[in-house]
Protein backbone atom coordinates (compact mmCIF):
# COMPACT_ATOMS: atom_id res chain seq x y z
CA MET A 1 20.19 -25.65 15.02
CA CYS A 2 19.83 -26.86 18.60
CA PHE A 3 22.37 -27.69 21.30
CA HIS A 4 22.61 -28.53 25.00
CA PHE A 5 24.63 -26.12 27.11
CA ILE A 6 25.68 -27.40 30.56
CA PHE A 7 28.04 -25.71 32.99
CA PHE A 8 29.76 -27.82 35.68
CA LEU A 9 32.29 -27.05 38.36
CA LEU A 10 34.78 -29.57 39.77
CA SER A 11 35.82 -29.14 43.41
CA GLY A 12 38.75 -30.81 45.18
CA SER A 13 42.48 -30.54 45.04
CA THR A 14 45.04 -32.10 42.77
CA LYS A 15 48.67 -31.45 42.01
CA LYS A 16 48.31 -32.60 38.42
CA SER A 17 47.88 -30.01 35.73
CA THR A 18 46.87 -32.00 32.67
CA PRO A 19 43.14 -32.59 31.97
CA GLU A 20 43.68 -36.34 31.55
CA VAL A 21 45.00 -36.67 35.10
CA TRP A 22 42.53 -34.50 37.02
CA TRP A 23 39.60 -35.97 35.14
CA ARG A 24 40.50 -39.39 36.49
CA GLY A 25 41.41 -38.07 39.90
CA PRO A 26 39.23 -37.59 42.98
CA GLY A 27 36.72 -34.75 43.17
CA THR A 28 33.04 -33.89 42.98
CA GLU A 29 31.13 -32.50 40.03
CA GLU A 30 28.18 -30.13 40.52
CA LYS A 31 25.76 -28.86 37.85
CA MET A 32 25.49 -25.08 37.88
CA HIS A 33 23.40 -24.23 34.75
CA GLY A 34 21.73 -25.94 31.81
CA PHE A 35 20.05 -24.72 28.61
CA THR A 36 18.54 -26.34 25.51
CA GLY A 37 17.61 -24.39 22.39
CA ASN A 38 18.95 -22.25 19.57
CA ALA A 39 18.69 -18.80 21.11
CA VAL A 40 21.15 -16.59 22.93
CA ASN A 41 21.71 -17.72 26.53
CA THR A 42 23.68 -15.92 29.21
CA TYR A 43 24.75 -17.36 32.56
CA LYS A 44 26.05 -15.24 35.39
CA GLY A 45 27.14 -17.08 38.54
CA PRO A 46 29.00 -16.40 41.78
CA SER A 47 32.54 -17.51 42.30
CA HIS A 48 33.14 -20.84 44.06
CA PRO A 49 36.25 -20.84 46.26
CA GLN A 50 36.44 -24.63 46.36
CA ALA A 51 36.19 -25.05 42.55
CA THR A 52 39.29 -26.24 40.82
CA ILE A 53 38.00 -25.93 37.23
CA TYR A 54 34.84 -25.03 35.34
CA ILE A 55 33.62 -27.37 32.60
CA LEU A 56 31.43 -26.31 29.65
CA ARG A 57 29.80 -29.11 27.65
CA LEU A 58 28.10 -28.49 24.29
CA ARG A 59 26.16 -31.22 22.53
CA ALA A 60 24.48 -30.66 19.15
CA LYS A 61 21.20 -32.32 18.20
CA GLN A 62 21.47 -31.45 14.52
CA GLN A 63 24.18 -31.47 11.95
CA ASN A 64 25.97 -28.30 10.88
CA THR A 65 25.38 -26.73 14.30
CA ARG A 66 27.52 -23.82 15.41
CA ALA A 67 27.90 -22.31 18.86
CA THR A 68 29.98 -19.29 19.82
CA VAL A 69 31.03 -18.96 23.46
CA TYR A 70 32.30 -15.80 25.17
CA LEU A 71 33.81 -15.76 28.68
CA HIS A 72 34.19 -12.67 30.84
CA GLU A 73 35.67 -12.42 34.32
CA GLY A 74 34.87 -9.67 36.73
CA ARG A 75 31.90 -7.45 37.40
CA GLY A 76 30.12 -5.13 35.01
CA HIS A 77 29.56 -5.25 31.28
CA SER A 78 32.13 -7.21 29.30
CA GLY A 79 31.96 -4.91 26.32
CA ALA A 80 32.04 -7.86 23.92
CA PHE A 81 28.36 -7.49 22.99
CA PRO A 82 26.49 -4.32 22.04
CA LEU A 83 24.01 -3.02 24.61
CA LEU A 84 20.26 -3.12 24.07
CA PRO A 85 18.04 -0.21 25.22
CA ALA A 86 15.55 -0.44 28.06
CA ASP A 87 12.83 -0.96 25.43
CA PRO A 88 14.34 -3.49 22.99
CA ARG A 89 11.22 -3.82 20.85
CA VAL A 90 11.02 -3.06 17.13
CA HIS A 91 8.01 -0.88 16.30
CA THR A 92 6.04 -0.73 13.05
CA VAL A 93 5.36 2.88 12.07
CA GLY A 94 3.95 2.40 8.58
CA VAL A 95 2.73 -0.38 6.27
CA GLY A 96 2.26 -0.12 2.52
CA MET A 97 1.62 -2.51 -0.34
CA THR A 98 5.31 -3.28 -0.95
CA SER A 99 7.08 -1.61 1.99
CA VAL A 100 7.10 -1.48 5.79
CA SER A 101 8.62 1.30 7.94
CA LEU A 102 10.24 0.40 11.27
CA SER A 103 11.74 2.21 14.25
CA TRP A 104 13.49 1.21 17.47
CA ALA A 105 15.15 2.81 20.47
CA PRO A 106 18.86 3.53 19.98
CA SER A 107 21.46 1.27 21.55
CA ALA A 108 23.53 2.69 24.39
CA SER A 109 26.61 1.38 22.60
CA LEU A 110 25.99 3.91 19.85
CA THR A 111 24.91 6.85 21.98
CA GLY A 112 27.68 6.44 24.54
CA LEU A 113 30.69 6.60 22.22
CA PRO A 114 32.28 9.51 20.35
CA GLU A 115 31.46 9.65 16.68
CA THR A 116 35.01 8.79 15.69
CA GLN A 117 35.13 5.64 17.81
CA LYS A 118 31.91 4.05 16.74
CA SER A 119 32.29 0.61 15.27
CA TYR A 120 28.61 -0.17 15.71
CA GLY A 121 25.70 -0.23 13.29
CA TYR A 122 22.23 -1.65 12.80
CA CYS A 123 21.19 -4.44 10.46
CA VAL A 124 17.58 -5.14 9.51
CA LEU A 125 16.48 -8.52 8.21
CA ALA A 126 13.10 -9.52 6.79
CA ASN A 127 11.58 -12.90 6.01
CA SER A 128 8.16 -14.49 5.71
CA GLN A 129 8.61 -17.36 8.18
CA ARG A 130 9.57 -16.31 11.72
CA ASN A 131 11.47 -13.91 13.93
CA HIS A 132 15.03 -14.89 14.82
CA PRO A 133 16.47 -14.60 18.33
CA SER A 134 20.00 -14.11 17.05
CA LEU A 135 21.95 -13.35 13.94
CA CYS A 136 23.33 -16.88 14.09
CA ALA A 137 19.81 -18.30 13.80
CA ALA A 138 19.08 -15.93 10.93
CA GLN A 139 22.27 -17.12 9.23
CA VAL A 140 21.15 -20.75 9.32
CA SER A 141 17.68 -19.89 8.07
CA ALA A 142 19.09 -17.81 5.22
CA GLY A 143 21.40 -20.66 4.26
CA LYS A 144 18.46 -23.04 4.01
CA LYS A 145 16.49 -20.60 1.91
CA LYS A 146 19.46 -20.11 -0.39
CA GLU A 147 19.69 -23.84 -0.93
CA GLN A 148 15.96 -24.04 -1.67
CA LYS A 149 16.27 -21.25 -4.21
CA ARG A 150 19.04 -23.09 -6.00
CA GLU A 151 16.79 -26.11 -6.36
CA LYS A 152 13.73 -24.21 -7.53
CA HIS A 153 15.86 -21.89 -9.67
CA LYS A 154 14.19 -18.93 -11.32
CA GLU A 155 10.63 -20.23 -11.78
CA ASP A 156 9.71 -19.67 -8.12
CA ARG A 157 11.73 -16.53 -7.65
CA ARG A 158 8.71 -14.35 -6.89
CA ARG A 159 6.97 -16.90 -4.67
CA VAL A 160 9.79 -17.38 -2.22
CA ALA A 161 10.20 -14.56 0.28
CA ALA A 162 13.51 -13.06 -0.71
CA TRP A 163 16.18 -11.74 1.57
CA PRO A 164 17.04 -8.68 -0.51
CA ILE A 165 18.77 -7.02 2.41
CA LEU A 166 21.23 -9.86 3.11
CA LYS A 167 24.61 -9.98 1.46
CA GLU A 168 27.12 -12.75 1.00
CA TRP A 169 29.59 -10.60 2.88
CA TRP A 170 27.80 -11.19 6.14
CA TRP A 171 27.89 -14.95 5.96
CA GLN A 172 31.47 -15.06 4.78
CA GLN A 173 32.47 -12.99 7.77
CA TRP A 174 30.55 -15.14 10.23
CA ASP A 175 31.85 -18.38 8.73
CA SER A 176 35.38 -17.33 9.61
CA ASP A 177 36.99 -15.96 12.75
CA PRO A 178 36.28 -12.25 13.06
CA GLU A 179 39.29 -10.04 12.63
CA PRO A 180 39.53 -6.52 14.01
CA GLN A 181 38.99 -3.93 11.35
CA SER A 182 38.27 -0.27 11.14
CA PRO A 183 34.69 0.73 10.45
CA PRO A 184 33.90 1.69 6.85
CA SER A 185 33.45 5.26 5.82
CA SER A 186 29.75 4.65 5.11
CA PRO A 187 27.40 1.64 5.07
CA ALA A 188 26.87 2.04 1.36
CA ASP A 189 30.58 1.58 0.71
CA GLU A 190 30.70 -1.76 2.54
CA TYR A 191 27.30 -3.10 1.41
CA PRO A 192 26.61 -1.71 -2.06
CA GLY A 193 23.10 -2.18 -3.42
CA ILE A 194 21.59 -3.18 -0.06
CA GLN A 195 18.39 -1.40 0.87
CA CYS A 196 18.14 -0.67 4.57
CA ALA A 197 20.24 -3.69 5.60
CA CYS A 198 23.20 -2.19 7.38
CA GLN A 199 22.29 1.41 7.71
CA GLY A 200 24.81 2.79 10.12
CA THR A 201 23.45 4.46 13.24
CA GLU A 202 19.96 5.42 12.05
CA SER A 203 17.22 3.82 14.17
CA VAL A 204 14.50 4.10 11.49
CA CYS A 205 14.18 2.05 8.35
CA THR A 206 11.83 1.37 5.44
CA VAL A 207 12.08 -2.12 3.97
CA SER A 208 10.91 -2.07 0.37
CA GLU A 209 10.48 -4.46 -2.58
CA LEU A 210 8.12 -6.68 -0.57
CA LEU A 211 5.22 -8.71 -1.95
CA PRO A 212 1.66 -7.40 -1.46
CA ASP A 213 -0.68 -9.12 1.01
CA THR A 214 2.18 -11.07 2.63
CA ARG A 215 3.11 -11.44 6.29
CA TYR A 216 6.72 -10.51 7.01
CA TYR A 217 8.84 -10.82 10.15
CA PHE A 218 11.40 -8.11 10.87
CA ASP A 219 14.49 -8.42 13.06
CA VAL A 220 16.92 -5.68 14.04
CA PHE A 221 20.45 -6.40 15.20
CA VAL A 222 22.95 -3.98 16.61
CA MET A 223 26.38 -4.99 15.32
CA ASP A 224 29.84 -4.57 16.79
CA ARG A 225 32.10 -4.81 13.74
CA LEU A 226 35.26 -4.57 15.85
CA ASN A 227 34.48 -7.67 17.96
CA GLY A 228 32.31 -9.42 15.40
CA THR A 229 29.37 -9.67 17.82
CA SER A 230 25.72 -8.64 17.74
CA ALA A 231 22.66 -8.25 19.94
CA ALA A 232 19.10 -8.84 18.79
CA TYR A 233 16.13 -6.57 19.39
CA GLU A 234 12.69 -8.10 19.95
CA GLY A 235 11.44 -8.52 16.41
CA THR A 236 8.03 -7.63 15.04
CA PHE A 237 5.82 -8.63 12.13
CA ALA A 238 3.41 -6.94 9.72
CA ARG A 239 1.28 -7.86 6.72
CA THR A 240 1.66 -5.73 3.63
CA HIS A 241 -1.48 -4.31 2.07
CA GLU A 242 -3.10 -6.20 -0.75
CA GLU A 243 -3.02 -4.87 -4.28
CA ALA A 244 -5.77 -2.47 -5.24
CA GLN A 245 -8.47 -4.44 -6.98
CA ALA A 246 -10.04 -3.02 -10.08
CA ALA A 247 -13.60 -1.86 -9.56
CA VAL A 248 -16.17 -4.19 -11.13
CA VAL A 249 -19.42 -2.55 -12.21
CA ALA A 250 -22.53 -4.71 -12.39
CA LEU A 251 -24.44 -4.50 -15.66
CA ARG A 252 -28.17 -4.31 -15.09
CA GLU A 253 -30.59 -6.23 -17.27
CA GLY A 254 -30.96 -4.51 -20.65
CA GLU A 255 -29.08 -1.41 -19.51
CA LEU A 256 -27.29 0.48 -22.27
CA ARG A 257 -24.02 1.83 -20.91
CA TRP A 258 -21.41 4.09 -22.46
CA VAL A 259 -17.87 3.21 -21.40
CA THR A 260 -15.35 6.01 -21.89
CA PHE A 261 -11.59 5.61 -21.53
CA GLY A 262 -9.55 8.63 -20.52
CA ASP A 263 -6.19 9.52 -21.95
CA GLY A 264 -4.36 7.19 -19.59
CA GLY A 265 -2.04 5.60 -22.11
CA PRO A 266 -2.12 2.04 -23.47
CA GLY A 267 -3.39 -0.60 -21.12
CA SER A 268 -6.41 1.25 -19.74
CA GLU A 269 -9.07 -1.24 -18.72
CA GLN A 270 -12.47 -1.45 -17.07
CA PHE A 271 -14.35 -4.40 -15.60
CA PHE A 272 -18.05 -5.30 -15.60
CA SER A 273 -20.06 -8.22 -14.31
CA PHE A 274 -23.35 -9.67 -15.51
CA ARG A 275 -25.59 -12.30 -13.96
CA PRO A 276 -28.45 -13.54 -16.19
CA ARG A 277 -31.87 -13.46 -14.62
CA GLY A 278 -34.02 -16.45 -13.83
CA TRP A 279 -33.63 -19.64 -11.83
CA GLN A 280 -30.64 -21.61 -13.08
CA GLN A 281 -30.42 -19.16 -15.96
CA GLN A 282 -27.01 -19.20 -17.64
CA SER A 283 -27.67 -17.75 -21.11
CA GLY A 284 -27.31 -14.16 -22.12
CA LEU A 285 -26.31 -11.84 -24.93
CA LEU A 286 -23.58 -9.23 -24.75
CA THR A 287 -23.57 -6.53 -27.42
CA LEU A 288 -20.81 -3.98 -27.94
CA GLN A 289 -19.94 -1.23 -30.38
CA SER A 290 -16.86 0.97 -30.46
CA CYS A 291 -17.35 4.69 -30.99
CA GLY A 292 -13.76 5.81 -30.71
CA GLY A 293 -12.69 6.06 -34.34
CA GLY A 294 -9.17 4.71 -34.60
CA GLU A 295 -9.00 3.39 -31.04
CA LYS A 296 -8.49 -0.34 -30.54
CA VAL A 297 -10.66 -1.84 -27.82
CA THR A 298 -10.60 -5.51 -26.84
CA VAL A 299 -13.32 -7.31 -24.93
CA THR A 300 -12.54 -10.42 -22.87
CA VAL A 301 -15.36 -12.44 -21.31
CA SER A 302 -14.72 -14.95 -18.50
CA GLY A 303 -17.00 -17.35 -16.70
CA GLU A 304 -16.24 -19.67 -13.80
CA GLY A 305 -12.62 -18.47 -13.87
CA GLN A 306 -12.13 -19.48 -17.53
CA VAL A 307 -11.73 -17.12 -20.49
CA LEU A 308 -14.62 -17.76 -22.86
CA THR A 309 -13.73 -15.36 -25.66
CA SER A 310 -11.54 -12.39 -26.47
CA GLN A 311 -12.01 -10.24 -29.56
CA ALA A 312 -11.68 -6.74 -30.92
CA VAL A 313 -14.56 -4.28 -30.82
CA GLY A 314 -14.96 -2.01 -33.85
CA GLY A 315 -17.56 0.24 -35.39
CA ASP A 316 -19.76 -2.75 -36.28
CA LEU A 317 -21.83 -4.42 -33.61
CA VAL A 318 -20.20 -7.29 -31.77
CA HIS A 319 -22.50 -10.01 -30.43
CA ILE A 320 -21.18 -12.41 -27.80
CA TRP A 321 -23.34 -15.34 -26.77
CA LEU A 322 -23.07 -16.03 -23.04
CA GLN A 323 -23.64 -19.62 -22.04
CA GLY A 324 -22.38 -22.09 -19.45
CA SER A 325 -21.98 -19.88 -16.37
CA THR A 326 -24.20 -18.24 -13.78
CA SER A 327 -22.16 -15.02 -13.86
CA TYR A 328 -19.74 -13.43 -16.29
CA LEU A 329 -16.83 -11.02 -16.00
CA VAL A 330 -16.37 -8.58 -18.88
CA ARG A 331 -13.07 -6.78 -19.34
CA LEU A 332 -12.71 -3.86 -21.74
CA GLU A 333 -9.16 -2.83 -22.57
CA ARG A 334 -8.01 0.05 -24.71
CA GLU A 335 -4.88 -0.99 -26.59
CA GLY A 336 -3.89 2.40 -27.95
CA SER A 337 -4.67 4.98 -30.59
CA THR A 338 -4.02 4.41 -34.26
CA ALA A 339 -5.50 7.61 -35.62
CA ASN A 340 -6.85 11.00 -34.60
CA PRO A 341 -4.99 11.45 -31.32
CA VAL A 342 -6.71 13.70 -28.82
CA LEU A 343 -5.37 16.22 -26.41
CA PRO A 344 -4.13 14.88 -23.05
CA GLY A 345 -6.91 14.56 -20.55
CA GLY A 346 -9.63 14.14 -23.14
CA PRO A 347 -11.52 10.96 -23.95
CA THR A 348 -9.73 8.66 -26.35
CA ALA A 349 -12.21 5.83 -26.77
CA SER A 350 -15.79 4.98 -25.95
CA VAL A 351 -17.73 1.75 -26.20
CA LYS A 352 -21.45 1.04 -26.03
CA ILE A 353 -22.23 -2.11 -24.09
CA GLN A 354 -25.44 -3.91 -23.21
CA ALA A 355 -26.16 -7.26 -21.61
CA SER A 356 -29.51 -9.06 -21.62
CA SER A 357 -30.77 -12.38 -20.35
CA ALA A 358 -31.80 -14.74 -23.15
CA TYR A 359 -34.57 -16.77 -21.53
CA HIS A 360 -35.56 -19.03 -24.40
CA ARG A 361 -32.92 -18.29 -27.00
CA THR A 362 -30.31 -20.72 -28.18
CA GLU A 363 -28.17 -18.43 -30.34
CA VAL A 364 -27.38 -14.85 -31.32
CA PRO A 365 -30.32 -12.97 -32.95
CA SER A 366 -30.21 -12.82 -36.72
CA LEU A 367 -29.08 -9.65 -38.45
CA PRO A 368 -30.32 -8.03 -41.68
CA SER A 369 -28.43 -9.07 -44.79
CA THR A 370 -27.59 -5.41 -45.43
CA LEU A 371 -27.92 -2.20 -43.47
CA GLN A 372 -28.41 0.02 -46.52
CA ILE A 373 -31.60 2.12 -46.92
CA LYS A 374 -33.03 2.45 -50.44
CA SER A 375 -35.19 5.31 -51.73
CA PHE A 376 -37.27 5.24 -54.93
CA ASN A 377 -36.86 8.24 -57.21
CA ARG A 378 -40.13 7.65 -59.06
CA LEU A 379 -41.96 7.51 -55.73
CA ARG A 380 -40.37 10.74 -54.52
CA GLY A 381 -42.83 13.63 -54.23
CA CYS A 382 -42.93 17.17 -52.94
CA ASN A 383 -44.17 16.11 -49.49
CA THR A 384 -43.41 12.39 -49.35
CA VAL A 385 -40.62 9.89 -49.92
CA THR A 386 -40.66 6.08 -49.95
CA LEU A 387 -37.95 4.12 -48.18
CA ALA A 388 -37.15 0.40 -48.11
CA TRP A 389 -34.78 -1.69 -46.01
CA MET A 390 -34.02 -5.31 -45.21
CA GLY A 391 -35.46 -6.91 -42.09
CA THR A 392 -35.05 -10.34 -40.47
CA GLU A 393 -37.12 -13.47 -39.96
CA GLU A 394 -37.64 -12.50 -36.32
CA ARG A 395 -40.44 -10.16 -35.27
CA SER A 396 -38.77 -6.85 -34.45
CA LEU A 397 -39.60 -3.17 -34.15
CA TYR A 398 -38.25 -0.73 -36.74
CA CYS A 399 -38.28 3.01 -36.07
CA VAL A 400 -37.62 5.77 -38.66
CA TYR A 401 -36.15 9.15 -37.74
CA ARG A 402 -35.75 12.20 -39.96
CA ARG A 403 -33.68 15.36 -39.78
CA ALA A 404 -34.00 18.36 -42.13
CA LEU A 405 -30.77 19.82 -43.53
CA GLY A 406 -29.97 23.45 -44.18
CA GLU A 407 -29.01 24.66 -47.65
CA ARG A 408 -25.27 24.74 -46.99
CA GLU A 409 -25.32 21.35 -45.31
CA ALA A 410 -27.41 19.92 -48.13
CA GLU A 411 -25.09 21.34 -50.77
CA ALA A 412 -22.03 19.95 -48.99
CA GLY A 413 -23.62 16.51 -48.63
CA GLY A 414 -21.05 13.82 -47.84
CA ALA A 415 -20.26 12.43 -44.43
CA SER A 416 -20.84 15.69 -42.55
CA ALA A 417 -24.59 15.44 -43.16
CA LEU A 418 -24.91 11.83 -42.03
CA THR A 419 -25.80 10.71 -38.52
CA ALA A 420 -22.96 9.44 -36.32
CA PRO A 421 -23.04 5.60 -36.19
CA CYS A 422 -23.08 5.55 -32.38
CA LEU A 423 -25.96 7.99 -32.09
CA GLY A 424 -28.71 5.65 -30.93
CA PRO A 425 -32.46 6.28 -30.69
CA GLU A 426 -32.10 7.09 -26.98
CA SER A 427 -30.25 10.29 -27.97
CA ARG A 428 -32.74 11.34 -30.66
CA SER A 429 -35.54 13.80 -30.09
CA ASP A 430 -39.10 12.49 -30.16
CA THR A 431 -39.91 15.15 -32.76
CA GLU A 432 -37.49 13.44 -35.17
CA ARG A 433 -39.26 10.07 -34.94
CA VAL A 434 -41.79 9.71 -37.73
CA LEU A 435 -42.97 6.12 -37.36
CA CYS A 436 -42.32 2.72 -35.77
CA LYS A 437 -43.51 -0.58 -37.20
CA TYR A 438 -43.16 -4.31 -36.52
CA PHE A 439 -41.98 -6.57 -39.29
CA GLN A 440 -41.19 -10.25 -39.74
CA GLU A 441 -40.46 -12.41 -42.76
CA LEU A 442 -39.47 -16.07 -42.46
CA ASN A 443 -37.73 -16.04 -45.85
CA PRO A 444 -34.58 -13.89 -45.43
CA ARG A 445 -34.43 -13.16 -49.19
CA ARG A 446 -37.89 -11.58 -49.09
CA ALA A 447 -37.46 -9.77 -45.78
CA VAL A 448 -37.95 -6.29 -47.29
CA THR A 449 -40.17 -3.70 -45.67
CA THR A 450 -41.13 -0.24 -46.91
CA ALA A 451 -42.42 2.96 -45.39
CA VAL A 452 -43.91 6.10 -46.90
CA ILE A 453 -42.78 9.18 -45.04
CA GLY A 454 -45.11 12.15 -45.39
CA GLY A 455 -45.40 15.68 -44.00
CA LEU A 456 -42.23 16.89 -45.69
CA GLU A 457 -41.41 20.32 -47.14
CA PRO A 458 -40.92 20.70 -50.91
CA GLY A 459 -37.35 21.10 -52.13
CA THR A 460 -35.88 20.17 -48.73
CA ALA A 461 -33.09 17.70 -48.03
CA TYR A 462 -33.66 15.20 -45.23
CA VAL A 463 -31.48 12.60 -43.56
CA PHE A 464 -33.40 9.42 -42.67
CA ASP A 465 -32.24 6.89 -40.09
CA VAL A 466 -33.73 3.48 -39.37
CA TYR A 467 -33.15 1.62 -36.11
CA LEU A 468 -33.81 -2.05 -35.55
CA MET A 469 -35.16 -2.17 -31.99
CA ARG A 470 -34.70 -5.57 -30.36
CA ARG A 471 -35.41 -7.07 -27.01
CA TRP A 472 -31.79 -8.19 -26.86
CA GLY A 473 -28.77 -6.08 -27.50
CA ILE A 474 -28.03 -2.58 -28.70
CA PRO A 475 -30.38 -1.16 -31.37
CA ILE A 476 -28.96 -1.63 -34.85
CA MET A 477 -28.60 1.54 -36.85
CA TYR A 478 -28.85 1.39 -40.63
CA ALA A 479 -26.65 3.59 -42.80
CA SER A 480 -28.11 7.10 -42.98
CA LYS A 481 -29.88 8.02 -46.21
CA MET A 482 -30.12 11.57 -47.53
CA VAL A 483 -33.17 12.31 -49.77
CA LYS A 484 -34.39 15.63 -51.19
CA THR A 485 -38.06 16.16 -51.92
CA ARG A 486 -39.15 17.55 -55.29
CA ARG A 487 -39.43 21.30 -55.53
CA GLU A 488 -42.40 21.16 -57.99
CA CYS A 489 -44.97 18.45 -58.41
């Protein structure tokens, strides 16, 4: 919206009274004031004794242009427009992620009238484009945005800066001639559902439901509902705070980390990053194991902004081959409990995670065909037992741990005597480790290794655990095996 505003005066005398006659008649025309733009413009001039008539010319440069003209004779304030304070600026007093708090000096039109005679109020408008010098300019801008929203429909609803504090009522009133009316009993009665738009006589406001990390412009208008006029404060702008980013923890090479989720309800998540070592190195191995019983944990791995894989993590080891990116983002999300709920505030799920660079590997390391440990009854003595387990075709280190059971624990047997699956060798005492050996067999069917465990007490029950110690990934724990030595030999 833009128009030319030119004020002329015509001097001379004529006895004719119709515009057609004096326009053709003799006289001189003198330019008094000119203005081009779309803001509010006020002209105050002295009286001219020789002037016969004053001429106001308006010329629009754009279609659908509106101009409202008010004329006042005499000295002093006309009273048609609300008064602005000595400091007409809008001040920002607080900025949040989705809200901005504003304040401004009160208008003398509100402070100078009795409470019962007040027909004034404030209106606060927000947008993401510019400040508006008048409510008329804001009206045109809002109309354009409304038309754009109709075209884009609902798909871009969140991307377009909304005018949640505008109401159709305003534009309907300004599209027609204002009619005198009594002020409403409360702003909420006249503008239901509007947040901080027309908030009566309060000179503070918090505009909410804004988008994070977005620059907004705020305009405040003092309204005269009786005359249908308004005056604009000097607007301000502010950028809302960006959303809190989830902390990303860097996984160090070969580091074994326990990830524990608190009782925060479904949707709890944690983020980790891993960058394989070496020049132009892009391969790595991610190993995970859930230790939360009935908890469901999902791992999602992304590289170069693309999701590479997403899968559930259970009690069995999960191996994820990392390839094709220089860095990886790992997201662990707890979906919710399916069994054994815990008290509020306690841990509800835990996951073991380890990432290693795979310098010369091309695939996930091979696993044993079975994780069962076998003992031989005919080779069982009073002080020794013989154990056997399956290995792999890769050269790896196998470590055996033992733990003596008491009489009651031995008699009970069952799951209570077995070692927890997530209890790795790092949590075992060195006194429990009885031996470590390397083993390799290229034929997987023949990859069986044995160990004779000595130094045992006669008639004593022991729990034996075997761990496959690898350069990559979490150590693999075999199923615990309980064996009792002979009492007499």
